[in-house]
Amino acid sequence: MSFDKNREKGIAKKRRHARVRARISGTAERPRMHVFRSLLHIRVQLIDDVAGKTLLAASDTELKAKKDVKVERAKQLGQLIAQKAKAAGITNVVFDRAGNQYHGRVKALADGAREGGLIF
């Protein structure tokens, strides 16, 4: 019984992600900021969909404080990717939540990126 429930959750997430991706796309001037969230970690990439290349990437494993609460690490990761983007000359991005709900770690990452200076 639980197998069916987990399968349905995965299918629903794929549908949400497809809906989000149908509407947004990244360019070199305004790359797509893609968020991947697993149970333990969170990763973010800045992607140029026109060229099909990843411009920047960051993960919470790069952060020094590994024992923090996951939401706090996500906020620090947002600030880190904003810092890397500013160094690369990127200020505007398109946010891609990848089918995840916009709350918790995904929202904390977005807030940290905005505090770091990214505009989206």
N, C-alpha and C. Protein backbone atom coordinates (compact mmCIF):
# COMPACT_ATOMS: atom_id res chain seq x y z
N MET A 1 0.82 -1.19 0.00
CA MET A 1 0.00 0.00 0.00
C MET A 1 0.86 1.26 0.00
N SER A 2 1.93 1.29 0.81
CA SER A 2 2.78 2.48 0.87
C SER A 2 3.56 2.67 -0.42
N PHE A 3 3.81 1.56 -1.12
CA PHE A 3 4.52 1.66 -2.40
C PHE A 3 3.71 2.50 -3.39
N ASP A 4 2.42 2.26 -3.45
CA ASP A 4 1.57 3.02 -4.37
C ASP A 4 1.55 4.50 -4.01
N LYS A 5 1.52 4.79 -2.72
CA LYS A 5 1.48 6.18 -2.28
C LYS A 5 2.77 6.91 -2.67
N ASN A 6 3.91 6.27 -2.46
CA ASN A 6 5.19 6.88 -2.83
C ASN A 6 5.30 7.03 -4.34
N ARG A 7 4.79 6.07 -5.08
CA ARG A 7 4.83 6.14 -6.54
C ARG A 7 4.00 7.32 -7.03
N GLU A 8 2.84 7.50 -6.44
CA GLU A 8 1.97 8.62 -6.82
C GLU A 8 2.62 9.97 -6.50
N LYS A 9 3.33 10.04 -5.36
CA LYS A 9 4.03 11.28 -5.02
C LYS A 9 5.07 11.62 -6.06
N GLY A 10 5.84 10.61 -6.49
CA GLY A 10 6.86 10.83 -7.51
C GLY A 10 6.28 11.28 -8.83
N ILE A 11 5.17 10.67 -9.21
CA ILE A 11 4.51 11.05 -10.46
C ILE A 11 4.00 12.48 -10.37
N ALA A 12 3.41 12.85 -9.24
CA ALA A 12 2.89 14.21 -9.06
C ALA A 12 4.01 15.23 -9.12
N LYS A 13 5.17 14.90 -8.53
CA LYS A 13 6.30 15.83 -8.56
C LYS A 13 6.81 16.01 -9.99
N LYS A 14 6.86 14.92 -10.75
CA LYS A 14 7.29 15.03 -12.15
C LYS A 14 6.34 15.89 -12.96
N ARG A 15 5.05 15.77 -12.69
CA ARG A 15 4.07 16.61 -13.39
C ARG A 15 4.26 18.09 -13.04
N ARG A 16 4.45 18.36 -11.75
CA ARG A 16 4.67 19.76 -11.34
C ARG A 16 5.92 20.32 -11.98
N HIS A 17 7.00 19.51 -12.02
CA HIS A 17 8.26 19.96 -12.61
C HIS A 17 8.08 20.24 -14.10
N ALA A 18 7.36 19.37 -14.79
CA ALA A 18 7.12 19.58 -16.23
C ALA A 18 6.32 20.87 -16.46
N ARG A 19 5.37 21.14 -15.58
CA ARG A 19 4.57 22.36 -15.69
C ARG A 19 5.45 23.60 -15.51
N VAL A 20 6.35 23.55 -14.52
CA VAL A 20 7.24 24.68 -14.26
C VAL A 20 8.20 24.88 -15.43
N ARG A 21 8.77 23.78 -15.94
CA ARG A 21 9.76 23.87 -17.02
C ARG A 21 9.14 24.31 -18.35
N ALA A 22 7.84 24.09 -18.52
CA ALA A 22 7.18 24.53 -19.75
C ALA A 22 7.11 26.05 -19.81
N ARG A 23 7.14 26.69 -18.66
CA ARG A 23 6.99 28.14 -18.60
C ARG A 23 8.31 28.91 -18.54
N ILE A 24 9.36 28.28 -18.03
CA ILE A 24 10.59 29.04 -17.82
C ILE A 24 11.75 28.43 -18.59
N SER A 25 12.70 29.30 -18.93
CA SER A 25 13.91 28.87 -19.61
C SER A 25 15.00 29.88 -19.29
N GLY A 26 16.24 29.45 -19.25
CA GLY A 26 17.34 30.33 -18.91
C GLY A 26 18.14 30.72 -20.14
N THR A 27 18.72 31.91 -20.08
CA THR A 27 19.61 32.40 -21.13
C THR A 27 20.95 32.76 -20.49
N ALA A 28 21.88 33.19 -21.31
CA ALA A 28 23.19 33.57 -20.77
C ALA A 28 23.06 34.82 -19.90
N GLU A 29 22.19 35.75 -20.29
CA GLU A 29 22.00 36.98 -19.51
C GLU A 29 21.18 36.73 -18.25
N ARG A 30 20.20 35.82 -18.35
CA ARG A 30 19.33 35.52 -17.22
C ARG A 30 19.18 34.00 -17.09
N PRO A 31 20.17 33.34 -16.46
CA PRO A 31 20.15 31.88 -16.37
C PRO A 31 19.06 31.36 -15.44
N ARG A 32 18.74 30.10 -15.61
CA ARG A 32 17.76 29.42 -14.77
C ARG A 32 18.47 28.91 -13.52
N MET A 33 17.92 29.25 -12.37
CA MET A 33 18.49 28.80 -11.09
C MET A 33 17.72 27.56 -10.65
N HIS A 34 18.28 26.38 -10.91
CA HIS A 34 17.62 25.11 -10.65
C HIS A 34 18.01 24.59 -9.27
N VAL A 35 17.00 24.19 -8.49
CA VAL A 35 17.21 23.71 -7.13
C VAL A 35 16.92 22.21 -7.09
N PHE A 36 17.87 21.44 -6.54
CA PHE A 36 17.66 20.02 -6.30
C PHE A 36 17.70 19.80 -4.80
N ARG A 37 16.63 19.20 -4.29
CA ARG A 37 16.52 18.97 -2.85
C ARG A 37 16.38 17.47 -2.60
N SER A 38 17.30 16.93 -1.81
CA SER A 38 17.18 15.54 -1.37
C SER A 38 16.86 15.54 0.12
N LEU A 39 16.79 14.37 0.71
CA LEU A 39 16.47 14.30 2.13
C LEU A 39 17.55 14.96 2.99
N LEU A 40 18.82 14.83 2.60
CA LEU A 40 19.91 15.34 3.42
C LEU A 40 20.53 16.62 2.88
N HIS A 41 20.56 16.79 1.57
CA HIS A 41 21.31 17.89 0.98
C HIS A 41 20.46 18.72 0.04
N ILE A 42 21.01 19.85 -0.36
CA ILE A 42 20.37 20.71 -1.34
C ILE A 42 21.46 21.26 -2.25
N ARG A 43 21.15 21.28 -3.56
CA ARG A 43 22.11 21.74 -4.55
C ARG A 43 21.43 22.76 -5.44
N VAL A 44 22.23 23.64 -6.03
CA VAL A 44 21.68 24.66 -6.92
C VAL A 44 22.63 24.85 -8.10
N GLN A 45 22.06 25.08 -9.28
CA GLN A 45 22.84 25.32 -10.48
C GLN A 45 22.28 26.52 -11.21
N LEU A 46 23.14 27.26 -11.87
CA LEU A 46 22.72 28.31 -12.79
C LEU A 46 22.96 27.77 -14.20
N ILE A 47 21.88 27.65 -14.98
CA ILE A 47 21.92 26.96 -16.25
C ILE A 47 21.52 27.89 -17.39
N ASP A 48 22.31 27.86 -18.47
CA ASP A 48 21.97 28.53 -19.72
C ASP A 48 21.33 27.49 -20.63
N ASP A 49 20.00 27.54 -20.76
CA ASP A 49 19.30 26.53 -21.55
C ASP A 49 19.51 26.70 -23.05
N VAL A 50 19.81 27.90 -23.50
CA VAL A 50 20.04 28.13 -24.93
C VAL A 50 21.30 27.39 -25.38
N ALA A 51 22.37 27.52 -24.61
CA ALA A 51 23.63 26.84 -24.94
C ALA A 51 23.67 25.43 -24.36
N GLY A 52 22.78 25.11 -23.42
CA GLY A 52 22.77 23.80 -22.80
C GLY A 52 23.94 23.59 -21.86
N LYS A 53 24.33 24.64 -21.13
CA LYS A 53 25.50 24.55 -20.25
C LYS A 53 25.16 25.01 -18.84
N THR A 54 25.83 24.39 -17.88
CA THR A 54 25.75 24.84 -16.50
C THR A 54 26.82 25.90 -16.29
N LEU A 55 26.40 27.09 -15.87
CA LEU A 55 27.33 28.20 -15.67
C LEU A 55 28.00 28.13 -14.30
N LEU A 56 27.20 27.87 -13.27
CA LEU A 56 27.70 27.79 -11.89
C LEU A 56 26.95 26.70 -11.15
N ALA A 57 27.57 26.17 -10.12
CA ALA A 57 26.91 25.19 -9.27
C ALA A 57 27.42 25.33 -7.84
N ALA A 58 26.57 24.99 -6.90
CA ALA A 58 26.95 25.02 -5.49
C ALA A 58 26.13 23.97 -4.75
N SER A 59 26.69 23.47 -3.66
CA SER A 59 26.03 22.47 -2.85
C SER A 59 26.24 22.79 -1.38
N ASP A 60 25.35 22.32 -0.54
CA ASP A 60 25.52 22.58 0.88
C ASP A 60 26.70 21.81 1.46
N THR A 61 27.26 20.87 0.71
CA THR A 61 28.45 20.17 1.18
C THR A 61 29.68 21.08 1.13
N GLU A 62 29.60 22.18 0.38
CA GLU A 62 30.70 23.15 0.33
C GLU A 62 30.75 24.03 1.56
N LEU A 63 29.67 24.09 2.30
CA LEU A 63 29.59 24.97 3.46
C LEU A 63 30.40 24.37 4.61
N LYS A 64 30.93 25.24 5.45
CA LYS A 64 31.76 24.79 6.56
C LYS A 64 30.94 24.22 7.70
N ALA A 65 29.83 24.87 8.05
CA ALA A 65 29.00 24.42 9.17
C ALA A 65 28.07 23.30 8.70
N LYS A 66 28.45 22.06 8.97
CA LYS A 66 27.67 20.91 8.51
C LYS A 66 26.61 20.47 9.52
N LYS A 67 26.68 20.94 10.74
CA LYS A 67 25.76 20.50 11.78
C LYS A 67 24.57 21.45 11.95
N ASP A 68 24.48 22.47 11.12
CA ASP A 68 23.36 23.41 11.24
C ASP A 68 22.05 22.75 10.85
N VAL A 69 20.97 23.44 11.13
CA VAL A 69 19.66 23.02 10.69
C VAL A 69 19.63 23.13 9.16
N LYS A 70 18.94 22.22 8.49
CA LYS A 70 18.94 22.17 7.04
C LYS A 70 18.42 23.47 6.41
N VAL A 71 17.45 24.12 7.05
CA VAL A 71 16.92 25.37 6.52
C VAL A 71 17.99 26.46 6.58
N GLU A 72 18.77 26.49 7.64
CA GLU A 72 19.84 27.49 7.76
C GLU A 72 20.94 27.23 6.72
N ARG A 73 21.26 25.95 6.49
CA ARG A 73 22.25 25.63 5.45
C ARG A 73 21.75 26.04 4.08
N ALA A 74 20.45 25.90 3.83
CA ALA A 74 19.89 26.29 2.53
C ALA A 74 20.01 27.80 2.34
N LYS A 75 19.78 28.56 3.40
CA LYS A 75 19.90 30.02 3.30
C LYS A 75 21.36 30.41 3.04
N GLN A 76 22.29 29.76 3.72
CA GLN A 76 23.71 30.02 3.48
C GLN A 76 24.10 29.65 2.05
N LEU A 77 23.52 28.57 1.54
CA LEU A 77 23.79 28.16 0.16
C LEU A 77 23.28 29.20 -0.83
N GLY A 78 22.13 29.78 -0.55
CA GLY A 78 21.61 30.85 -1.40
C GLY A 78 22.55 32.04 -1.44
N GLN A 79 23.10 32.39 -0.30
CA GLN A 79 24.06 33.49 -0.24
C GLN A 79 25.34 33.13 -0.98
N LEU A 80 25.77 31.87 -0.89
CA LEU A 80 26.97 31.42 -1.58
C LEU A 80 26.80 31.47 -3.09
N ILE A 81 25.67 31.00 -3.60
CA ILE A 81 25.46 31.02 -5.05
C ILE A 81 25.32 32.46 -5.54
N ALA A 82 24.74 33.34 -4.73
CA ALA A 82 24.66 34.74 -5.12
C ALA A 82 26.05 35.37 -5.19
N GLN A 83 26.90 35.00 -4.26
CA GLN A 83 28.28 35.51 -4.26
C GLN A 83 29.03 35.02 -5.50
N LYS A 84 28.87 33.75 -5.84
CA LYS A 84 29.53 33.20 -7.03
C LYS A 84 28.98 33.84 -8.31
N ALA A 85 27.68 34.08 -8.33
CA ALA A 85 27.05 34.68 -9.51
C ALA A 85 27.53 36.12 -9.70
N LYS A 86 27.62 36.87 -8.61
CA LYS A 86 28.12 38.25 -8.71
C LYS A 86 29.54 38.28 -9.24
N ALA A 87 30.37 37.33 -8.80
CA ALA A 87 31.75 37.25 -9.28
C ALA A 87 31.79 36.94 -10.77
N ALA A 88 30.78 36.20 -11.26
CA ALA A 88 30.72 35.86 -12.69
C ALA A 88 29.97 36.92 -13.50
N GLY A 89 29.45 37.95 -12.83
CA GLY A 89 28.76 39.03 -13.53
C GLY A 89 27.29 38.75 -13.78
N ILE A 90 26.68 37.86 -13.02
CA ILE A 90 25.27 37.53 -13.17
C ILE A 90 24.49 38.15 -12.02
N THR A 91 23.45 38.92 -12.35
CA THR A 91 22.63 39.53 -11.31
C THR A 91 21.17 39.09 -11.39
N ASN A 92 20.67 38.80 -12.60
CA ASN A 92 19.27 38.39 -12.78
C ASN A 92 19.21 36.91 -13.10
N VAL A 93 18.29 36.20 -12.46
CA VAL A 93 18.09 34.78 -12.73
C VAL A 93 16.60 34.48 -12.79
N VAL A 94 16.27 33.29 -13.30
CA VAL A 94 14.90 32.77 -13.29
C VAL A 94 14.91 31.61 -12.30
N PHE A 95 14.01 31.62 -11.33
CA PHE A 95 14.01 30.62 -10.27
C PHE A 95 13.23 29.39 -10.72
N ASP A 96 13.86 28.22 -10.62
CA ASP A 96 13.24 26.94 -10.98
C ASP A 96 13.20 26.07 -9.73
N ARG A 97 12.02 25.93 -9.15
CA ARG A 97 11.87 25.16 -7.92
C ARG A 97 11.82 23.66 -8.17
N ALA A 98 11.80 23.25 -9.43
CA ALA A 98 11.88 21.84 -9.84
C ALA A 98 10.76 20.98 -9.28
N GLY A 99 9.56 21.51 -9.21
CA GLY A 99 8.43 20.72 -8.73
C GLY A 99 8.30 20.68 -7.23
N ASN A 100 9.26 21.24 -6.50
CA ASN A 100 9.17 21.29 -5.05
C ASN A 100 8.23 22.41 -4.63
N GLN A 101 7.61 22.26 -3.49
CA GLN A 101 6.78 23.34 -2.98
C GLN A 101 7.67 24.48 -2.54
N TYR A 102 7.17 25.70 -2.69
CA TYR A 102 7.96 26.87 -2.33
C TYR A 102 7.78 27.15 -0.83
N HIS A 103 8.43 26.36 -0.01
CA HIS A 103 8.47 26.58 1.43
C HIS A 103 9.65 25.82 1.99
N GLY A 104 9.96 26.05 3.24
CA GLY A 104 11.07 25.33 3.87
C GLY A 104 12.40 25.67 3.26
N ARG A 105 13.15 24.63 2.89
CA ARG A 105 14.51 24.82 2.38
C ARG A 105 14.54 25.54 1.04
N VAL A 106 13.56 25.29 0.18
CA VAL A 106 13.54 25.94 -1.13
C VAL A 106 13.34 27.44 -0.95
N LYS A 107 12.41 27.82 -0.07
CA LYS A 107 12.17 29.23 0.19
C LYS A 107 13.37 29.88 0.88
N ALA A 108 14.00 29.17 1.81
CA ALA A 108 15.18 29.71 2.51
C ALA A 108 16.31 29.95 1.52
N LEU A 109 16.51 29.03 0.57
CA LEU A 109 17.54 29.21 -0.45
C LEU A 109 17.25 30.45 -1.29
N ALA A 110 15.99 30.62 -1.69
CA ALA A 110 15.61 31.79 -2.48
C ALA A 110 15.81 33.08 -1.70
N ASP A 111 15.43 33.07 -0.43
CA ASP A 111 15.62 34.27 0.40
C ASP A 111 17.09 34.60 0.58
N GLY A 112 17.93 33.58 0.77
CA GLY A 112 19.36 33.81 0.90
C GLY A 112 19.96 34.36 -0.38
N ALA A 113 19.50 33.88 -1.52
CA ALA A 113 20.00 34.38 -2.81
C ALA A 113 19.59 35.83 -3.01
N ARG A 114 18.37 36.16 -2.62
CA ARG A 114 17.91 37.56 -2.74
C ARG A 114 18.73 38.47 -1.81
N GLU A 115 18.99 38.00 -0.59
CA GLU A 115 19.82 38.78 0.33
C GLU A 115 21.23 38.96 -0.23
N GLY A 116 21.71 37.96 -0.95
CA GLY A 116 23.05 38.05 -1.56
C GLY A 116 23.12 38.96 -2.77
N GLY A 117 21.96 39.38 -3.30
CA GLY A 117 21.95 40.33 -4.40
C GLY A 117 21.39 39.83 -5.71
N LEU A 118 20.93 38.58 -5.77
CA LEU A 118 20.33 38.10 -7.01
C LEU A 118 18.90 38.63 -7.15
N ILE A 119 18.51 38.91 -8.37
CA ILE A 119 17.18 39.45 -8.63
C ILE A 119 16.39 38.41 -9.41
N PHE A 120 15.23 38.03 -8.86
CA PHE A 120 14.31 37.13 -9.55
C PHE A 120 12.92 37.27 -8.96
